[in-house]
Amino acid sequence: MHVHRFERIWLVAALGMIVLFVGTVTYGAAVAGYGMVDAEGGQVDSTDPAASESFRDPGVYEGSEPDHYDVYVETRRFAFVPGTGEPIRVPAGSTVTFHVASVDVLHGFEVAGTNINTMAIPGQKATVTAEFDEPREYGLVCNEYCGEGHHDMAGTLEVVPQSEFDASTEVQ
């Protein structure tokens, strides 16, 4: 059987793309540490996550280690609590673990300009940790369609200089 030269080229190119895509997914899962939302974060009450043992009232809390903060965020139609009405404020030079839960439908939680991107699934708590070295303002975006007001679901994360961060007013 004779295979035309151009058909061989396209066949090799297609197989090369498949190998590239599989390699990219493997690298992301094994080396870069990207993962899917799973039961690792724990389960929460889907109507009131703060009533669960593994979730606190929404807000910023000092962590067990120096310069580590835990941020508990509830997603709901069509807001991040905190984040939409009042910005989430954390100090620069800190490590922040976000604990995200949904109280109604599937939502996304993305901090624009970073690699923080997770799904908020009702009944599940998603956790993601990042370091914020420089003062800056980031946008919070829901990237999962959650209803007719989805396009208005946005918020703000403010990373402020350590000297401007007042733990007594910011941290719960």
Protein backbone atom coordinates (compact mmCIF):
# COMPACT_ATOMS: atom_id res chain seq x y z
CA MET A 1 0.00 0.00 0.00
CA HIS A 2 1.37 3.38 -0.98
CA VAL A 3 0.85 6.35 1.37
CA HIS A 4 1.28 9.69 -0.27
CA ARG A 5 4.05 11.93 1.09
CA PHE A 6 1.62 14.67 2.25
CA GLU A 7 -0.56 12.13 4.03
CA ARG A 8 2.51 10.86 5.92
CA ILE A 9 3.40 14.43 6.90
CA TRP A 10 -0.11 15.06 8.28
CA LEU A 11 -0.14 11.69 10.04
CA VAL A 12 3.20 12.39 11.75
CA ALA A 13 2.07 15.94 12.66
CA ALA A 14 -1.20 14.63 14.18
CA LEU A 15 0.61 11.95 16.19
CA GLY A 16 3.15 14.55 17.33
CA MET A 17 0.35 16.81 18.58
CA ILE A 18 -1.24 13.92 20.49
CA VAL A 19 2.10 13.13 22.17
CA LEU A 20 2.55 16.84 22.96
CA PHE A 21 -0.93 17.12 24.54
CA VAL A 22 -0.47 13.97 26.64
CA GLY A 23 2.96 15.21 27.72
CA THR A 24 1.55 18.59 28.71
CA VAL A 25 -1.19 17.04 30.84
CA THR A 26 1.30 14.63 32.44
CA TYR A 27 3.70 17.47 33.22
CA GLY A 28 0.91 19.57 34.76
CA ALA A 29 -0.30 16.72 36.96
CA ALA A 30 3.04 15.25 38.01
CA VAL A 31 5.60 18.06 37.97
CA ALA A 32 3.83 21.41 38.19
CA GLY A 33 1.39 20.22 40.86
CA TYR A 34 -1.87 21.14 39.15
CA GLY A 35 -4.76 19.10 40.40
CA MET A 36 -8.49 18.73 40.34
CA VAL A 37 -10.87 19.64 43.14
CA ASP A 38 -11.28 16.52 45.21
CA ALA A 39 -12.34 15.45 48.67
CA GLU A 40 -8.98 16.53 50.15
CA GLY A 41 -10.38 19.92 51.20
CA GLY A 42 -13.21 18.20 53.03
CA GLN A 43 -16.95 18.33 52.92
CA VAL A 44 -19.04 21.18 54.26
CA ASP A 45 -22.71 21.96 54.72
CA SER A 46 -23.73 23.20 51.28
CA THR A 47 -26.18 25.79 52.66
CA ASP A 48 -24.02 27.04 55.56
CA PRO A 49 -20.32 26.10 55.19
CA ALA A 50 -19.38 27.98 58.39
CA ALA A 51 -21.49 25.51 60.38
CA SER A 52 -19.06 22.76 59.40
CA GLU A 53 -15.97 21.88 61.46
CA SER A 54 -13.61 22.35 58.53
CA PHE A 55 -14.80 25.85 57.54
CA ARG A 56 -14.88 29.14 59.45
CA ASP A 57 -16.89 32.33 59.07
CA PRO A 58 -15.78 34.16 55.92
CA GLY A 59 -12.75 36.37 56.54
CA VAL A 60 -8.98 36.54 56.98
CA TYR A 61 -7.38 34.61 59.85
CA GLU A 62 -3.79 34.39 61.08
CA GLY A 63 -2.30 30.98 60.38
CA SER A 64 -0.32 28.75 62.71
CA GLU A 65 2.98 29.81 61.11
CA PRO A 66 4.45 33.32 60.90
CA ASP A 67 3.37 35.32 57.84
CA HIS A 68 0.74 32.70 56.96
CA TYR A 69 -2.93 33.61 56.62
CA ASP A 70 -6.07 31.60 55.98
CA VAL A 71 -8.80 33.26 53.93
CA TYR A 72 -12.26 31.71 54.05
CA VAL A 73 -14.44 32.68 51.09
CA GLU A 74 -18.07 31.79 50.44
CA THR A 75 -19.23 32.02 46.85
CA ARG A 76 -22.87 32.75 46.20
CA ARG A 77 -24.98 34.20 43.44
CA PHE A 78 -23.40 36.67 42.49
CA ALA A 79 -20.73 37.58 45.00
CA PHE A 80 -17.62 36.51 46.85
CA VAL A 81 -17.92 36.90 50.63
CA PRO A 82 -15.55 38.59 51.42
CA GLY A 83 -14.26 40.05 48.19
CA THR A 84 -17.20 41.65 46.41
CA GLY A 85 -18.62 44.13 48.93
CA GLU A 86 -15.37 44.53 50.83
CA PRO A 87 -11.97 43.57 49.45
CA ILE A 88 -9.92 40.74 50.89
CA ARG A 89 -6.79 42.35 52.39
CA VAL A 90 -3.58 40.44 53.10
CA PRO A 91 -0.04 41.69 53.79
CA ALA A 92 2.73 41.52 51.22
CA GLY A 93 5.38 38.89 51.87
CA SER A 94 2.84 36.39 53.19
CA THR A 95 1.64 32.93 52.31
CA VAL A 96 -2.12 32.74 51.92
CA THR A 97 -4.32 29.65 51.89
CA PHE A 98 -7.74 30.21 50.39
CA HIS A 99 -10.57 27.98 51.61
CA VAL A 100 -13.46 28.31 49.17
CA ALA A 101 -16.98 26.89 49.40
CA SER A 102 -20.20 27.50 47.51
CA VAL A 103 -23.55 27.99 49.19
CA ASP A 104 -25.75 27.52 46.14
CA VAL A 105 -24.43 26.47 42.72
CA LEU A 106 -21.14 25.67 41.02
CA HIS A 107 -18.85 28.73 40.94
CA GLY A 108 -15.29 29.44 39.95
CA PHE A 109 -12.70 31.24 42.08
CA GLU A 110 -9.88 32.80 40.11
CA VAL A 111 -7.42 35.45 41.25
CA ALA A 112 -6.67 37.21 37.96
CA GLY A 113 -2.99 37.52 37.15
CA THR A 114 -1.99 34.50 39.28
CA ASN A 115 -2.23 30.73 38.93
CA ILE A 116 -4.98 30.58 41.57
CA ASN A 117 -7.98 29.00 39.91
CA THR A 118 -10.34 26.51 41.50
CA MET A 119 -13.96 25.42 41.40
CA ALA A 120 -16.33 26.02 44.29
CA ILE A 121 -18.60 23.00 44.41
CA PRO A 122 -21.59 22.95 46.79
CA GLY A 123 -20.80 20.61 49.68
CA GLN A 124 -17.02 20.67 49.06
CA LYS A 125 -14.24 22.89 50.36
CA ALA A 126 -11.49 23.74 47.88
CA THR A 127 -8.12 24.88 49.19
CA VAL A 128 -5.33 26.58 47.29
CA THR A 129 -2.15 28.22 48.66
CA ALA A 130 -0.09 31.03 47.13
CA GLU A 131 2.59 33.52 48.11
CA PHE A 132 2.11 37.24 47.60
CA ASP A 133 5.43 39.08 47.67
CA GLU A 134 4.60 42.54 46.31
CA PRO A 135 1.77 44.96 47.12
CA ARG A 136 -0.79 44.86 44.34
CA GLU A 137 -4.49 44.69 43.65
CA TYR A 138 -5.92 41.57 42.03
CA GLY A 139 -9.35 40.92 40.62
CA LEU A 140 -11.49 37.99 41.73
CA VAL A 141 -13.42 36.34 38.93
CA CYS A 142 -16.03 33.61 38.76
CA ASN A 143 -15.10 31.55 35.71
CA GLU A 144 -17.92 29.01 35.92
CA TYR A 145 -21.32 30.08 34.60
CA CYS A 146 -23.56 30.41 37.66
CA GLY A 147 -26.67 32.13 36.38
CA GLU A 148 -28.00 35.29 34.81
CA GLY A 149 -25.85 37.60 36.98
CA HIS A 150 -22.61 35.68 36.37
CA HIS A 151 -21.06 38.52 34.38
CA ASP A 152 -21.33 40.81 37.45
CA MET A 153 -19.68 38.35 39.86
CA ALA A 154 -16.34 39.94 40.64
CA GLY A 155 -14.32 41.00 43.65
CA THR A 156 -10.98 42.34 44.80
CA LEU A 157 -7.92 41.00 46.62
CA GLU A 158 -5.63 43.73 47.96
CA VAL A 159 -2.07 42.84 48.87
CA VAL A 160 -0.91 45.76 51.01
CA PRO A 161 2.52 46.62 52.45
CA GLN A 162 3.17 45.00 55.81
CA SER A 163 3.28 48.46 57.45
CA GLU A 164 -0.29 49.19 56.25
CA PHE A 165 -1.73 45.86 57.32
CA ASP A 166 -3.42 46.22 60.66
CA ALA A 167 -3.97 42.72 62.01
CA SER A 168 -6.41 43.95 64.62
CA THR A 169 -8.88 45.23 62.00
CA GLU A 170 -8.20 42.84 59.12
CA VAL A 171 -7.87 39.47 60.80
CA GLN A 172 -10.74 37.71 62.52
